[in-house]
């Protein structure tokens, strides 16, 4: 028996008797520099190299592209800019209110369309996707004409209405995708146990749809914070958001100013920190 064990050990280490896993590992190592991986590396460099240049030159002491020395003067000006922080506050207000409104309306609409069968159900689903398909400039111009026609002055309220309008289809789509995987036998079991329609909605349907609702909410906040085209047409005096402020700063100076570069760096690191925090939070929720 000992002789057989020794023979098996020696045959396993022979070059011609390697295991299947070892052959696959060696073959994968030989294909280390494959075409797909090379294209992937080039794409990553192409995407992140401009961000790296932006971060480096935000610490440049000069407004030109020639490096004159490390400086934090642009971050100091960023902190002291009242106009910028006013635009940032407007963006947060509009993003939060429009995202919550779009989430509530989109969730209710998705549940209603999915639960109830009515004659115009297909038309409602088709029309709800129009803001996602139409170019933003058409939506912006049409909303501007609409507000002017009914006599509503342009300001934060019109931006809020416009952002709610184009955020609504995204929330509707995400909640509908979650409802398509819904097991309606749970609803029937709840009704058999005496639960009312309202209790079923708040205790069963909405908790099960919560991943889709949260995804729609976060998507709406992101789209609202970054939107420029629609906001440009419906914003009034004193209601500039952060994208409009950045555009105005670039057009006034004829290019990207170091203050805008510093602001971009702060937003990049803020987004990374937020994504890491949300990822850990979601892992914590999933573990429980």
C-alpha atoms as a PDB file:
ATOM      1  CA  UNK A   1       0.000   0.000   0.000  1.00  0.00           C
ATOM      2  CA  UNK A   2       2.846   2.372   0.853  1.00  0.00           C
ATOM      3  CA  UNK A   3       4.470   1.506  -2.485  1.00  0.00           C
ATOM      4  CA  UNK A   4       1.287   2.492  -4.354  1.00  0.00           C
ATOM      5  CA  UNK A   5       1.092   5.818  -2.514  1.00  0.00           C
ATOM      6  CA  UNK A   6       4.715   6.653  -3.361  1.00  0.00           C
ATOM      7  CA  UNK A   7       4.110   5.701  -7.020  1.00  0.00           C
ATOM      8  CA  UNK A   8       1.053   7.957  -7.218  1.00  0.00           C
ATOM      9  CA  UNK A   9       2.975  10.892  -5.738  1.00  0.00           C
ATOM     10  CA  UNK A  10       5.820  10.549  -8.231  1.00  0.00           C
ATOM     11  CA  UNK A  11       3.515  10.141 -11.207  1.00  0.00           C
ATOM     12  CA  UNK A  12       1.526  13.225 -10.191  1.00  0.00           C
ATOM     13  CA  UNK A  13       4.618  15.461 -10.304  1.00  0.00           C
ATOM     14  CA  UNK A  14       5.841  14.200 -13.681  1.00  0.00           C
ATOM     15  CA  UNK A  15       5.606  16.773 -16.507  1.00  0.00           C
ATOM     16  CA  UNK A  16       3.488  14.522 -18.642  1.00  0.00           C
ATOM     17  CA  UNK A  17       0.990  13.669 -15.917  1.00  0.00           C
ATOM     18  CA  UNK A  18      -0.165  17.091 -14.808  1.00  0.00           C
ATOM     19  CA  UNK A  19      -3.711  17.575 -13.634  1.00  0.00           C
ATOM     20  CA  UNK A  20      -6.391  19.250 -15.707  1.00  0.00           C
ATOM     21  CA  UNK A  21      -6.456  22.269 -13.364  1.00  0.00           C
ATOM     22  CA  UNK A  22      -2.692  22.769 -13.757  1.00  0.00           C
ATOM     23  CA  UNK A  23      -2.962  22.661 -17.546  1.00  0.00           C
ATOM     24  CA  UNK A  24      -5.772  25.241 -17.520  1.00  0.00           C
ATOM     25  CA  UNK A  25      -3.762  27.484 -15.190  1.00  0.00           C
ATOM     26  CA  UNK A  26      -0.698  27.291 -17.440  1.00  0.00           C
ATOM     27  CA  UNK A  27      -2.812  27.955 -20.525  1.00  0.00           C
ATOM     28  CA  UNK A  28      -4.444  30.962 -18.849  1.00  0.00           C
ATOM     29  CA  UNK A  29      -1.025  32.316 -17.876  1.00  0.00           C
ATOM     30  CA  UNK A  30       0.142  32.039 -21.477  1.00  0.00           C
ATOM     31  CA  UNK A  31      -2.912  34.063 -22.583  1.00  0.00           C
ATOM     32  CA  UNK A  32      -2.177  36.728 -19.988  1.00  0.00           C
ATOM     33  CA  UNK A  33      -1.732  39.436 -22.619  1.00  0.00           C
ATOM     34  CA  UNK A  34      -4.768  38.610 -24.711  1.00  0.00           C
ATOM     35  CA  UNK A  35      -6.453  41.107 -27.016  1.00  0.00           C
ATOM     36  CA  UNK A  36      -9.510  41.567 -24.791  1.00  0.00           C
ATOM     37  CA  UNK A  37      -7.414  42.340 -21.718  1.00  0.00           C
ATOM     38  CA  UNK A  38      -5.259  44.756 -23.695  1.00  0.00           C
ATOM     39  CA  UNK A  39      -8.337  46.609 -24.964  1.00  0.00           C
ATOM     40  CA  UNK A  40      -9.722  46.675 -21.432  1.00  0.00           C
ATOM     41  CA  UNK A  41      -6.486  48.196 -20.084  1.00  0.00           C
ATOM     42  CA  UNK A  42      -6.437  50.841 -22.835  1.00  0.00           C
ATOM     43  CA  UNK A  43     -10.074  51.717 -22.110  1.00  0.00           C
ATOM     44  CA  UNK A  44      -9.396  52.123 -18.381  1.00  0.00           C
ATOM     45  CA  UNK A  45      -6.407  54.377 -19.097  1.00  0.00           C
ATOM     46  CA  UNK A  46      -8.459  56.415 -21.574  1.00  0.00           C
ATOM     47  CA  UNK A  47     -11.255  56.910 -19.021  1.00  0.00           C
ATOM     48  CA  UNK A  48      -9.216  57.665 -15.920  1.00  0.00           C
ATOM     49  CA  UNK A  49      -6.179  59.501 -17.291  1.00  0.00           C
ATOM     50  CA  UNK A  50      -8.119  62.789 -17.777  1.00  0.00           C
ATOM     51  CA  UNK A  51      -9.311  62.554 -14.179  1.00  0.00           C
ATOM     52  CA  UNK A  52      -5.743  62.085 -13.004  1.00  0.00           C
ATOM     53  CA  UNK A  53      -4.603  65.139 -14.997  1.00  0.00           C
ATOM     54  CA  UNK A  54      -7.521  67.137 -13.558  1.00  0.00           C
ATOM     55  CA  UNK A  55      -6.565  66.179 -10.001  1.00  0.00           C
ATOM     56  CA  UNK A  56      -2.903  67.064 -10.523  1.00  0.00           C
ATOM     57  CA  UNK A  57      -3.541  70.469 -12.094  1.00  0.00           C
ATOM     58  CA  UNK A  58      -6.107  71.433  -9.467  1.00  0.00           C
ATOM     59  CA  UNK A  59      -3.085  71.841  -7.164  1.00  0.00           C
ATOM     60  CA  UNK A  60      -1.166  73.947  -9.692  1.00  0.00           C
ATOM     61  CA  UNK A  61      -0.320  77.441  -8.555  1.00  0.00           C
ATOM     62  CA  UNK A  62      -0.905  78.946 -12.021  1.00  0.00           C
ATOM     63  CA  UNK A  63      -3.929  79.184 -14.281  1.00  0.00           C
ATOM     64  CA  UNK A  64      -1.908  77.918 -17.244  1.00  0.00           C
ATOM     65  CA  UNK A  65      -1.133  74.314 -18.079  1.00  0.00           C
ATOM     66  CA  UNK A  66       2.521  74.764 -17.177  1.00  0.00           C
ATOM     67  CA  UNK A  67       3.314  73.498 -13.692  1.00  0.00           C
ATOM     68  CA  UNK A  68       4.520  76.312 -11.410  1.00  0.00           C
ATOM     69  CA  UNK A  69       4.359  74.611  -8.033  1.00  0.00           C
ATOM     70  CA  UNK A  70       2.033  73.013  -5.518  1.00  0.00           C
ATOM     71  CA  UNK A  71      -0.690  75.315  -4.196  1.00  0.00           C
ATOM     72  CA  UNK A  72      -4.068  75.141  -2.430  1.00  0.00           C
ATOM     73  CA  UNK A  73      -5.197  78.604  -3.530  1.00  0.00           C
ATOM     74  CA  UNK A  74      -7.946  77.274  -5.788  1.00  0.00           C
ATOM     75  CA  UNK A  75      -9.446  75.181  -3.013  1.00  0.00           C
ATOM     76  CA  UNK A  76      -9.412  78.277  -0.808  1.00  0.00           C
ATOM     77  CA  UNK A  77     -11.278  80.222  -3.491  1.00  0.00           C
ATOM     78  CA  UNK A  78     -13.672  77.311  -3.841  1.00  0.00           C
ATOM     79  CA  UNK A  79     -14.541  77.495  -0.145  1.00  0.00           C
ATOM     80  CA  UNK A  80     -14.956  81.282  -0.300  1.00  0.00           C
ATOM     81  CA  UNK A  81     -17.215  81.294  -3.388  1.00  0.00           C
ATOM     82  CA  UNK A  82     -20.732  82.095  -2.144  1.00  0.00           C
ATOM     83  CA  UNK A  83     -22.233  81.902  -5.620  1.00  0.00           C
ATOM     84  CA  UNK A  84     -20.951  78.364  -6.082  1.00  0.00           C
ATOM     85  CA  UNK A  85     -22.310  77.128  -2.768  1.00  0.00           C
ATOM     86  CA  UNK A  86     -25.662  78.781  -3.531  1.00  0.00           C
ATOM     87  CA  UNK A  87     -25.802  76.843  -6.796  1.00  0.00           C
ATOM     88  CA  UNK A  88     -24.795  73.666  -4.977  1.00  0.00           C
ATOM     89  CA  UNK A  89     -27.568  74.209  -2.421  1.00  0.00           C
ATOM     90  CA  UNK A  90     -30.104  74.710  -5.226  1.00  0.00           C
ATOM     91  CA  UNK A  91     -28.947  71.473  -6.853  1.00  0.00           C
ATOM     92  CA  UNK A  92     -29.366  69.536  -3.607  1.00  0.00           C
ATOM     93  CA  UNK A  93     -32.824  70.987  -2.962  1.00  0.00           C
ATOM     94  CA  UNK A  94     -34.058  70.240  -6.471  1.00  0.00           C
ATOM     95  CA  UNK A  95     -32.472  66.778  -6.551  1.00  0.00           C
ATOM     96  CA  UNK A  96     -33.924  65.716  -3.196  1.00  0.00           C
ATOM     97  CA  UNK A  97     -37.459  67.032  -3.755  1.00  0.00           C
ATOM     98  CA  UNK A  98     -37.799  65.951  -7.390  1.00  0.00           C
ATOM     99  CA  UNK A  99     -36.338  62.500  -6.685  1.00  0.00           C
ATOM    100  CA  UNK A 100     -38.700  61.855  -3.763  1.00  0.00           C
ATOM    101  CA  UNK A 101     -41.713  63.069  -5.764  1.00  0.00           C
ATOM    102  CA  UNK A 102     -40.757  61.004  -8.809  1.00  0.00           C
ATOM    103  CA  UNK A 103     -40.172  57.943  -6.614  1.00  0.00           C
ATOM    104  CA  UNK A 104     -43.576  58.213  -4.941  1.00  0.00           C
ATOM    105  CA  UNK A 105     -45.448  58.827  -8.213  1.00  0.00           C
ATOM    106  CA  UNK A 106     -43.451  56.234 -10.140  1.00  0.00           C
ATOM    107  CA  UNK A 107     -43.972  53.567  -7.473  1.00  0.00           C
ATOM    108  CA  UNK A 108     -47.710  54.198  -7.256  1.00  0.00           C
ATOM    109  CA  UNK A 109     -48.003  54.259 -11.049  1.00  0.00           C
ATOM    110  CA  UNK A 110     -46.028  51.031 -11.491  1.00  0.00           C
ATOM    111  CA  UNK A 111     -48.105  49.194  -8.873  1.00  0.00           C
ATOM    112  CA  UNK A 112     -51.342  50.494 -10.375  1.00  0.00           C
ATOM    113  CA  UNK A 113     -50.415  49.544 -13.932  1.00  0.00           C
ATOM    114  CA  UNK A 114     -49.175  46.126 -12.814  1.00  0.00           C
ATOM    115  CA  UNK A 115     -52.118  45.302 -10.560  1.00  0.00           C
ATOM    116  CA  UNK A 116     -55.124  46.676 -12.425  1.00  0.00           C
ATOM    117  CA  UNK A 117     -56.266  45.882 -15.941  1.00  0.00           C
ATOM    118  CA  UNK A 118     -57.885  48.793 -17.780  1.00  0.00           C
ATOM    119  CA  UNK A 119     -58.439  49.830 -21.364  1.00  0.00           C
ATOM    120  CA  UNK A 120     -55.646  52.400 -21.724  1.00  0.00           C
ATOM    121  CA  UNK A 121     -53.052  50.388 -19.824  1.00  0.00           C
ATOM    122  CA  UNK A 122     -50.779  49.885 -22.846  1.00  0.00           C
ATOM    123  CA  UNK A 123     -50.975  53.547 -23.833  1.00  0.00           C
ATOM    124  CA  UNK A 124     -50.033  54.639 -20.297  1.00  0.00           C
ATOM    125  CA  UNK A 125     -46.965  52.398 -20.345  1.00  0.00           C
ATOM    126  CA  UNK A 126     -45.920  53.728 -23.761  1.00  0.00           C
ATOM    127  CA  UNK A 127     -46.409  57.407 -22.912  1.00  0.00           C
ATOM    128  CA  UNK A 128     -44.556  57.045 -19.620  1.00  0.00           C
ATOM    129  CA  UNK A 129     -41.366  56.141 -21.502  1.00  0.00           C
ATOM    130  CA  UNK A 130     -41.441  59.162 -23.821  1.00  0.00           C
ATOM    131  CA  UNK A 131     -39.251  61.397 -21.597  1.00  0.00           C
ATOM    132  CA  UNK A 132     -36.553  58.711 -21.750  1.00  0.00           C
ATOM    133  CA  UNK A 133     -36.660  58.544 -25.554  1.00  0.00           C
ATOM    134  CA  UNK A 134     -37.061  62.208 -26.527  1.00  0.00           C
ATOM    135  CA  UNK A 135     -33.927  64.392 -26.715  1.00  0.00           C
ATOM    136  CA  UNK A 136     -33.449  66.573 -23.657  1.00  0.00           C
ATOM    137  CA  UNK A 137     -33.423  69.761 -25.708  1.00  0.00           C
ATOM    138  CA  UNK A 138     -36.955  69.023 -26.943  1.00  0.00           C
ATOM    139  CA  UNK A 139     -38.164  68.411 -23.388  1.00  0.00           C
ATOM    140  CA  UNK A 140     -36.477  71.599 -22.186  1.00  0.00           C
ATOM    141  CA  UNK A 141     -37.937  73.789 -24.935  1.00  0.00           C
ATOM    142  CA  UNK A 142     -41.422  72.302 -24.586  1.00  0.00           C
ATOM    143  CA  UNK A 143     -41.425  72.771 -20.817  1.00  0.00           C
ATOM    144  CA  UNK A 144     -40.186  76.350 -21.185  1.00  0.00           C
ATOM    145  CA  UNK A 145     -43.006  77.131 -23.632  1.00  0.00           C
ATOM    146  CA  UNK A 146     -45.509  75.412 -21.333  1.00  0.00           C
ATOM    147  CA  UNK A 147     -44.474  77.415 -18.267  1.00  0.00           C
ATOM    148  CA  UNK A 148     -44.548  80.651 -20.265  1.00  0.00           C
ATOM    149  CA  UNK A 149     -47.983  79.795 -21.639  1.00  0.00           C
ATOM    150  CA  UNK A 150     -49.590  79.245 -18.233  1.00  0.00           C
ATOM    151  CA  UNK A 151     -47.788  82.185 -16.658  1.00  0.00           C
ATOM    152  CA  UNK A 152     -45.481  80.409 -14.199  1.00  0.00           C
ATOM    153  CA  UNK A 153     -42.220  82.373 -13.674  1.00  0.00           C
ATOM    154  CA  UNK A 154     -39.027  80.404 -14.194  1.00  0.00           C
ATOM    155  CA  UNK A 155     -37.214  79.475 -10.997  1.00  0.00           C
ATOM    156  CA  UNK A 156     -36.567  76.603  -8.631  1.00  0.00           C
ATOM    157  CA  UNK A 157     -40.180  75.442  -8.849  1.00  0.00           C
ATOM    158  CA  UNK A 158     -40.044  75.039 -12.627  1.00  0.00           C
ATOM    159  CA  UNK A 159     -36.725  73.176 -12.324  1.00  0.00           C
ATOM    160  CA  UNK A 160     -38.334  70.905  -9.729  1.00  0.00           C
ATOM    161  CA  UNK A 161     -41.277  70.156 -12.039  1.00  0.00           C
ATOM    162  CA  UNK A 162     -38.981  69.523 -15.017  1.00  0.00           C
ATOM    163  CA  UNK A 163     -36.697  67.176 -13.077  1.00  0.00           C
ATOM    164  CA  UNK A 164     -39.664  65.279 -11.677  1.00  0.00           C
ATOM    165  CA  UNK A 165     -40.975  64.860 -15.225  1.00  0.00           C
ATOM    166  CA  UNK A 166     -37.869  63.232 -16.677  1.00  0.00           C
ATOM    167  CA  UNK A 167     -37.036  61.258 -13.501  1.00  0.00           C
ATOM    168  CA  UNK A 168     -40.467  59.647 -13.313  1.00  0.00           C
ATOM    169  CA  UNK A 169     -39.991  57.112 -16.173  1.00  0.00           C
ATOM    170  CA  UNK A 170     -36.756  55.771 -14.669  1.00  0.00           C
ATOM    171  CA  UNK A 171     -38.406  55.059 -11.322  1.00  0.00           C
ATOM    172  CA  UNK A 172     -41.436  53.594 -13.090  1.00  0.00           C
ATOM    173  CA  UNK A 173     -39.239  51.249 -15.151  1.00  0.00           C
ATOM    174  CA  UNK A 174     -37.211  50.009 -12.171  1.00  0.00           C
ATOM    175  CA  UNK A 175     -40.258  49.327  -9.999  1.00  0.00           C
ATOM    176  CA  UNK A 176     -41.999  47.599 -12.912  1.00  0.00           C
ATOM    177  CA  UNK A 177     -38.947  45.355 -13.365  1.00  0.00           C
ATOM    178  CA  UNK A 178     -39.175  44.407  -9.697  1.00  0.00           C
ATOM    179  CA  UNK A 179     -42.907  43.747  -9.949  1.00  0.00           C
ATOM    180  CA  UNK A 180     -42.392  41.427 -12.930  1.00  0.00           C
ATOM    181  CA  UNK A 181     -40.563  39.062 -10.540  1.00  0.00           C
ATOM    182  CA  UNK A 182     -43.300  39.387  -7.919  1.00  0.00           C
ATOM    183  CA  UNK A 183     -45.070  36.232  -6.707  1.00  0.00           C
ATOM    184  CA  UNK A 184     -48.720  37.259  -6.554  1.00  0.00           C
ATOM    185  CA  UNK A 185     -49.640  34.145  -4.597  1.00  0.00           C
ATOM    186  CA  UNK A 186     -48.347  36.103  -1.569  1.00  0.00           C
ATOM    187  CA  UNK A 187     -51.049  38.722  -2.189  1.00  0.00           C
ATOM    188  CA  UNK A 188     -53.712  36.032  -2.446  1.00  0.00           C
ATOM    189  CA  UNK A 189     -52.481  34.435   0.783  1.00  0.00           C
ATOM    190  CA  UNK A 190     -52.616  37.807   2.546  1.00  0.00           C
ATOM    191  CA  UNK A 191     -56.196  38.377   1.368  1.00  0.00           C
ATOM    192  CA  UNK A 192     -57.171  34.888   2.494  1.00  0.00           C
ATOM    193  CA  UNK A 193     -55.780  35.708   5.948  1.00  0.00           C
ATOM    194  CA  UNK A 194     -57.962  38.811   6.158  1.00  0.00           C
ATOM    195  CA  UNK A 195     -55.541  41.569   5.132  1.00  0.00           C
ATOM    196  CA  UNK A 196     -57.066  44.591   3.455  1.00  0.00           C
ATOM    197  CA  UNK A 197     -55.766  46.069   0.216  1.00  0.00           C
ATOM    198  CA  UNK A 198     -54.070  48.909   2.098  1.00  0.00           C
ATOM    199  CA  UNK A 199     -52.376  46.531   4.545  1.00  0.00           C
ATOM    200  CA  UNK A 200     -51.227  44.351   1.660  1.00  0.00           C
ATOM    201  CA  UNK A 201     -49.775  47.372  -0.110  1.00  0.00           C
ATOM    202  CA  UNK A 202     -47.783  48.761   2.822  1.00  0.00           C
ATOM    203  CA  UNK A 203     -46.789  45.508   4.528  1.00  0.00           C
ATOM    204  CA  UNK A 204     -46.107  43.213   1.565  1.00  0.00           C
ATOM    205  CA  UNK A 205     -45.899  44.914  -1.819  1.00  0.00           C
ATOM    206  CA  UNK A 206     -43.819  47.972  -0.950  1.00  0.00           C
ATOM    207  CA  UNK A 207     -41.264  46.065   1.228  1.00  0.00           C
ATOM    208  CA  UNK A 208     -40.755  43.515  -1.539  1.00  0.00           C
ATOM    209  CA  UNK A 209     -40.365  46.295  -4.129  1.00  0.00           C
ATOM    210  CA  UNK A 210     -37.991  48.277  -1.912  1.00  0.00           C
ATOM    211  CA  UNK A 211     -34.801  47.376  -3.878  1.00  0.00           C
ATOM    212  CA  UNK A 212     -36.383  48.740  -7.052  1.00  0.00           C
ATOM    213  CA  UNK A 213     -37.704  51.796  -5.223  1.00  0.00           C
ATOM    214  CA  UNK A 214     -34.297  52.610  -3.734  1.00  0.00           C
ATOM    215  CA  UNK A 215     -32.614  52.084  -7.108  1.00  0.00           C
ATOM    216  CA  UNK A 216     -35.089  54.455  -8.722  1.00  0.00           C
ATOM    217  CA  UNK A 217     -34.550  57.040  -5.980  1.00  0.00           C
ATOM    218  CA  UNK A 218     -30.753  56.975  -6.307  1.00  0.00           C
ATOM    219  CA  UNK A 219     -30.992  57.100 -10.102  1.00  0.00           C
ATOM    220  CA  UNK A 220     -33.328  60.096  -9.922  1.00  0.00           C
ATOM    221  CA  UNK A 221     -30.968  61.945  -7.571  1.00  0.00           C
ATOM    222  CA  UNK A 222     -28.011  61.274  -9.876  1.00  0.00           C
ATOM    223  CA  UNK A 223     -29.856  62.381 -13.016  1.00  0.00           C
ATOM    224  CA  UNK A 224     -31.106  65.533 -11.317  1.00  0.00           C
ATOM    225  CA  UNK A 225     -27.670  66.552 -10.044  1.00  0.00           C
ATOM    226  CA  UNK A 226     -26.004  66.168 -13.433  1.00  0.00           C
ATOM    227  CA  UNK A 227     -28.709  67.546 -15.718  1.00  0.00           C
ATOM    228  CA  UNK A 228     -27.821  70.675 -17.653  1.00  0.00           C
ATOM    229  CA  UNK A 229     -29.810  70.835 -20.907  1.00  0.00           C
ATOM    230  CA  UNK A 230     -33.336  70.767 -19.461  1.00  0.00           C
ATOM    231  CA  UNK A 231     -32.352  72.913 -16.482  1.00  0.00           C
ATOM    232  CA  UNK A 232     -30.858  75.530 -18.805  1.00  0.00           C
ATOM    233  CA  UNK A 233     -34.261  76.143 -20.424  1.00  0.00           C
ATOM    234  CA  UNK A 234     -36.391  76.209 -17.259  1.00  0.00           C
ATOM    235  CA  UNK A 235     -34.058  78.024 -14.830  1.00  0.00           C
ATOM    236  CA  UNK A 236     -34.727  81.640 -13.950  1.00  0.00           C
ATOM    237  CA  UNK A 237     -32.667  84.432 -12.386  1.00  0.00           C
ATOM    238  CA  UNK A 238     -31.137  83.407  -9.069  1.00  0.00           C
ATOM    239  CA  UNK A 239     -32.014  79.731  -9.501  1.00  0.00           C
ATOM    240  CA  UNK A 240     -28.823  78.429 -11.075  1.00  0.00           C
ATOM    241  CA  UNK A 241     -27.865  74.875 -10.261  1.00  0.00           C
ATOM    242  CA  UNK A 242     -24.322  73.540 -10.100  1.00  0.00           C
ATOM    243  CA  UNK A 243     -24.092  72.431 -13.782  1.00  0.00           C
ATOM    244  CA  UNK A 244     -25.315  75.862 -14.918  1.00  0.00           C
ATOM    245  CA  UNK A 245     -22.809  77.573 -12.622  1.00  0.00           C
ATOM    246  CA  UNK A 246     -19.952  75.493 -14.060  1.00  0.00           C
ATOM    247  CA  UNK A 247     -21.078  76.256 -17.610  1.00  0.00           C
ATOM    248  CA  UNK A 248     -21.271  79.981 -16.829  1.00  0.00           C
ATOM    249  CA  UNK A 249     -17.814  79.939 -15.230  1.00  0.00           C
ATOM    250  CA  UNK A 250     -16.329  78.218 -18.281  1.00  0.00           C
ATOM    251  CA  UNK A 251     -17.986  80.563 -20.802  1.00  0.00           C
ATOM    252  CA  UNK A 252     -16.972  83.697 -18.862  1.00  0.00           C
ATOM    253  CA  UNK A 253     -13.311  82.680 -18.627  1.00  0.00           C
ATOM    254  CA  UNK A 254     -13.083  80.962 -22.014  1.00  0.00           C
ATOM    255  CA  UNK A 255     -12.066  77.600 -20.570  1.00  0.00           C
ATOM    256  CA  UNK A 256     -11.959  75.407 -17.494  1.00  0.00           C
ATOM    257  CA  UNK A 257     -10.821  77.514 -14.549  1.00  0.00           C
ATOM    258  CA  UNK A 258      -8.722  76.061 -11.687  1.00  0.00           C
ATOM    259  CA  UNK A 259     -11.642  76.664  -9.311  1.00  0.00           C
ATOM    260  CA  UNK A 260     -13.830  74.419 -11.469  1.00  0.00           C
ATOM    261  CA  UNK A 261     -11.036  71.837 -11.469  1.00  0.00           C
ATOM    262  CA  UNK A 262     -10.890  71.963  -7.668  1.00  0.00           C
ATOM    263  CA  UNK A 263     -14.670  71.588  -7.514  1.00  0.00           C
ATOM    264  CA  UNK A 264     -14.476  68.575  -9.850  1.00  0.00           C
ATOM    265  CA  UNK A 265     -11.864  66.929  -7.635  1.00  0.00           C
ATOM    266  CA  UNK A 266     -14.022  67.449  -4.540  1.00  0.00           C
ATOM    267  CA  UNK A 267     -17.021  65.929  -6.358  1.00  0.00           C
ATOM    268  CA  UNK A 268     -14.949  62.952  -7.551  1.00  0.00           C
ATOM    269  CA  UNK A 269     -13.729  62.080  -4.065  1.00  0.00           C
ATOM    270  CA  UNK A 270     -17.173  62.764  -2.598  1.00  0.00           C
ATOM    271  CA  UNK A 271     -18.736  60.353  -5.095  1.00  0.00           C
ATOM    272  CA  UNK A 272     -16.139  57.662  -4.337  1.00  0.00           C
ATOM    273  CA  UNK A 273     -16.686  57.995  -0.584  1.00  0.00           C
ATOM    274  CA  UNK A 274     -20.461  57.885  -1.057  1.00  0.00           C
ATOM    275  CA  UNK A 275     -20.272  54.774  -3.255  1.00  0.00           C
ATOM    276  CA  UNK A 276     -18.014  52.950  -0.774  1.00  0.00           C
ATOM    277  CA  UNK A 277     -20.301  53.884   2.125  1.00  0.00           C
ATOM    278  CA  UNK A 278     -23.428  52.735   0.274  1.00  0.00           C
ATOM    279  CA  UNK A 279     -21.718  49.490  -0.744  1.00  0.00           C
ATOM    280  CA  UNK A 280     -20.807  48.690   2.857  1.00  0.00           C
ATOM    281  CA  UNK A 281     -24.291  49.653   4.004  1.00  0.00           C
ATOM    282  CA  UNK A 282     -25.932  47.377   1.426  1.00  0.00           C
ATOM    283  CA  UNK A 283     -23.622  44.529   2.442  1.00  0.00           C
ATOM    284  CA  UNK A 284     -24.627  45.121   6.069  1.00  0.00           C
ATOM    285  CA  UNK A 285     -28.329  45.068   5.150  1.00  0.00           C
ATOM    286  CA  UNK A 286     -27.891  41.901   3.068  1.00  0.00           C
ATOM    287  CA  UNK A 287     -26.033  40.175   5.903  1.00  0.00           C
ATOM    288  CA  UNK A 288     -28.904  40.828   8.281  1.00  0.00           C
END
